[in-house]
Protein backbone atom coordinates (compact mmCIF):
# COMPACT_ATOMS: atom_id res chain seq x y z
CA UNK A 1 65.64 46.27 93.37
CA UNK A 2 68.49 46.59 95.20
CA UNK A 3 69.21 49.38 97.03
CA UNK A 4 73.09 50.61 97.06
CA UNK A 5 74.90 52.13 100.07
CA UNK A 6 78.35 52.80 100.80
CA UNK A 7 80.16 54.94 103.01
CA UNK A 8 82.21 57.99 101.98
CA UNK A 9 84.83 57.08 104.61
CA UNK A 10 85.79 54.23 102.22
CA UNK A 11 87.00 56.74 99.28
CA UNK A 12 90.30 57.58 98.51
CA UNK A 13 91.07 61.26 96.86
CA UNK A 14 94.13 62.74 95.19
CA UNK A 15 94.66 66.41 95.14
CA UNK A 16 96.71 67.85 92.29
CA UNK A 17 97.81 71.38 92.75
CA UNK A 18 100.19 73.02 92.83
CA UNK A 19 98.48 75.61 95.76
CA UNK A 20 99.27 74.59 98.72
CA UNK A 21 96.79 76.25 100.53
CA UNK A 22 93.84 74.75 98.23
CA UNK A 23 95.37 71.49 99.37
CA UNK A 24 95.20 72.28 102.56
CA UNK A 25 91.61 73.29 102.63
CA UNK A 26 90.34 70.69 100.19
CA UNK A 27 92.32 68.05 102.31
CA UNK A 28 90.89 69.75 105.59
CA UNK A 29 87.09 69.40 104.31
CA UNK A 30 87.86 65.61 103.21
CA UNK A 31 89.56 65.23 106.55
CA UNK A 32 86.21 66.18 108.58
CA UNK A 33 84.21 63.44 106.74
CA UNK A 34 87.05 60.62 107.70
CA UNK A 35 87.83 60.60 103.40
CA UNK A 36 92.02 59.45 103.12
CA UNK A 37 93.23 61.68 100.19
CA UNK A 38 96.74 62.78 99.29
CA UNK A 39 98.01 65.54 98.01
CA UNK A 40 100.48 66.18 95.33
CA UNK A 41 101.59 69.27 92.96
CA UNK A 42 103.19 68.18 89.82
CA UNK A 43 101.75 65.94 87.23
CA UNK A 44 104.75 63.57 87.50
CA UNK A 45 103.90 62.79 90.93
CA UNK A 46 100.10 62.62 89.87
CA UNK A 47 100.79 59.44 87.87
CA UNK A 48 103.35 57.87 90.07
CA UNK A 49 100.23 58.12 93.01
CA UNK A 50 97.53 56.81 90.46
CA UNK A 51 99.97 54.10 89.44
CA UNK A 52 101.01 53.01 93.24
CA UNK A 53 97.08 52.94 94.71
CA UNK A 54 93.82 53.45 93.40
CA UNK A 55 91.90 56.36 94.21
CA UNK A 56 87.96 56.82 93.72
CA UNK A 57 88.05 60.45 92.64
CA UNK A 58 90.81 62.78 91.21
CA UNK A 59 90.84 66.76 91.97
CA UNK A 60 93.01 68.24 89.28
CA UNK A 61 94.63 71.41 88.37
CA UNK A 62 95.11 72.69 84.84
CA UNK A 63 97.90 74.70 85.15
CA UNK A 64 100.80 72.39 86.87
CA UNK A 65 104.51 73.34 87.03
CA UNK A 66 105.52 70.58 84.90
CA UNK A 67 102.02 69.57 82.99
CA UNK A 68 98.76 70.50 81.53
CA UNK A 69 96.08 68.76 83.66
CA UNK A 70 93.98 68.45 80.85
CA UNK A 71 96.60 66.54 79.25
CA UNK A 72 97.28 64.21 82.00
CA UNK A 73 93.77 63.26 82.21
CA UNK A 74 93.90 60.93 79.29
CA UNK A 75 96.61 59.18 81.07
CA UNK A 76 95.30 59.07 84.15
CA UNK A 77 92.21 57.23 83.20
CA UNK A 78 94.16 55.16 81.09
CA UNK A 79 96.27 53.68 84.03
CA UNK A 80 93.08 53.48 86.04
CA UNK A 81 89.78 53.77 84.01
CA UNK A 82 87.61 53.72 87.46
CA UNK A 83 88.93 56.72 88.64
CA UNK A 84 86.49 59.57 88.78
CA UNK A 85 88.51 62.82 87.99
CA UNK A 86 87.51 66.38 88.65
CA UNK A 87 89.08 68.84 87.11
CA UNK A 88 89.39 72.04 89.20
CA UNK A 89 90.79 75.26 88.02
CA UNK A 90 90.64 79.29 87.89
CA UNK A 91 90.84 78.61 84.32
CA UNK A 92 87.22 78.25 83.43
CA UNK A 93 87.04 78.77 79.51
CA UNK A 94 84.82 77.89 77.35
CA UNK A 95 87.47 75.65 75.86
CA UNK A 96 88.84 74.18 78.68
CA UNK A 97 85.28 73.38 80.14
CA UNK A 98 84.26 71.91 76.63
CA UNK A 99 87.70 69.86 76.55
CA UNK A 100 87.57 68.79 80.12
CA UNK A 101 84.43 66.95 79.66
CA UNK A 102 85.52 65.69 76.50
CA UNK A 103 87.96 63.71 77.85
CA UNK A 104 85.92 62.46 80.71
CA UNK A 105 86.10 64.72 83.15
CA UNK A 106 82.68 63.60 85.66
CA UNK A 107 82.79 67.50 86.16
CA UNK A 108 84.51 70.71 85.98
CA UNK A 109 84.59 73.12 89.25
CA UNK A 110 85.68 76.33 88.83
CA UNK A 111 88.10 78.35 91.86
CA UNK A 112 87.46 79.05 94.10
CA UNK A 113 85.15 76.64 94.63
CA UNK A 114 82.27 75.86 97.30
CA UNK A 115 81.98 72.75 99.59
CA UNK A 116 78.60 72.11 97.96
CA UNK A 117 80.50 71.31 94.87
CA UNK A 118 83.03 69.43 96.36
CA UNK A 119 79.80 67.11 98.48
CA UNK A 120 78.36 66.61 94.84
CA UNK A 121 81.40 65.36 93.22
CA UNK A 122 82.08 63.02 96.21
CA UNK A 123 78.64 61.80 96.29
CA UNK A 124 78.32 61.11 93.06
CA UNK A 125 82.39 59.35 92.76
CA UNK A 126 82.05 56.99 95.75
CA UNK A 127 81.71 53.39 95.33
CA UNK A 128 78.71 51.66 95.32
CA UNK A 129 77.89 48.26 97.05
CA UNK A 130 74.42 46.49 96.80
CA UNK A 131 72.74 46.46 100.05
CA UNK A 132 72.33 43.65 102.18
CA UNK A 133 68.82 41.77 101.92
CA UNK A 134 66.16 43.29 104.15
CA UNK A 135 63.73 40.76 105.81
CA UNK A 136 60.22 40.64 104.47
CA UNK A 137 57.43 40.46 107.23
CA UNK A 138 57.75 36.83 107.03
CA UNK A 139 61.33 36.91 107.84
CA UNK A 140 62.48 35.72 104.60
CA UNK A 141 65.25 37.76 102.88
CA UNK A 142 64.34 39.50 100.02
CA UNK A 143 66.31 42.36 98.00
CA UNK A 144 65.34 45.78 98.64
């Protein structure tokens, strides 16, 4: 079996939320872990960012000034199929959770969020690459 390793510092994360304080706080959490991130406050700029650059993970609010995040999600996934999406919203109704997961969100996090949920989402979304083969007792390189 080949082991998988990846450093989270190679990740790129997009935060889409019109709450500047939330963007700042989540951005600070990511910065402490040396994770490259960018924040936008509306759907138009979110789609523009996803078209412009690849993001491993998008934290997406539902209620944006110009769009519903649940309606944006299929477009984000069409533009960038390998990008993971986490819905981060204070509107955790059963209908919204069901819609988010049915549309392909990897998880739904309710505001106020906790850092353990953010870390779990980052771990689940991080890019994976095969580890280098390790030498066995004879010095031969073998997969882990």
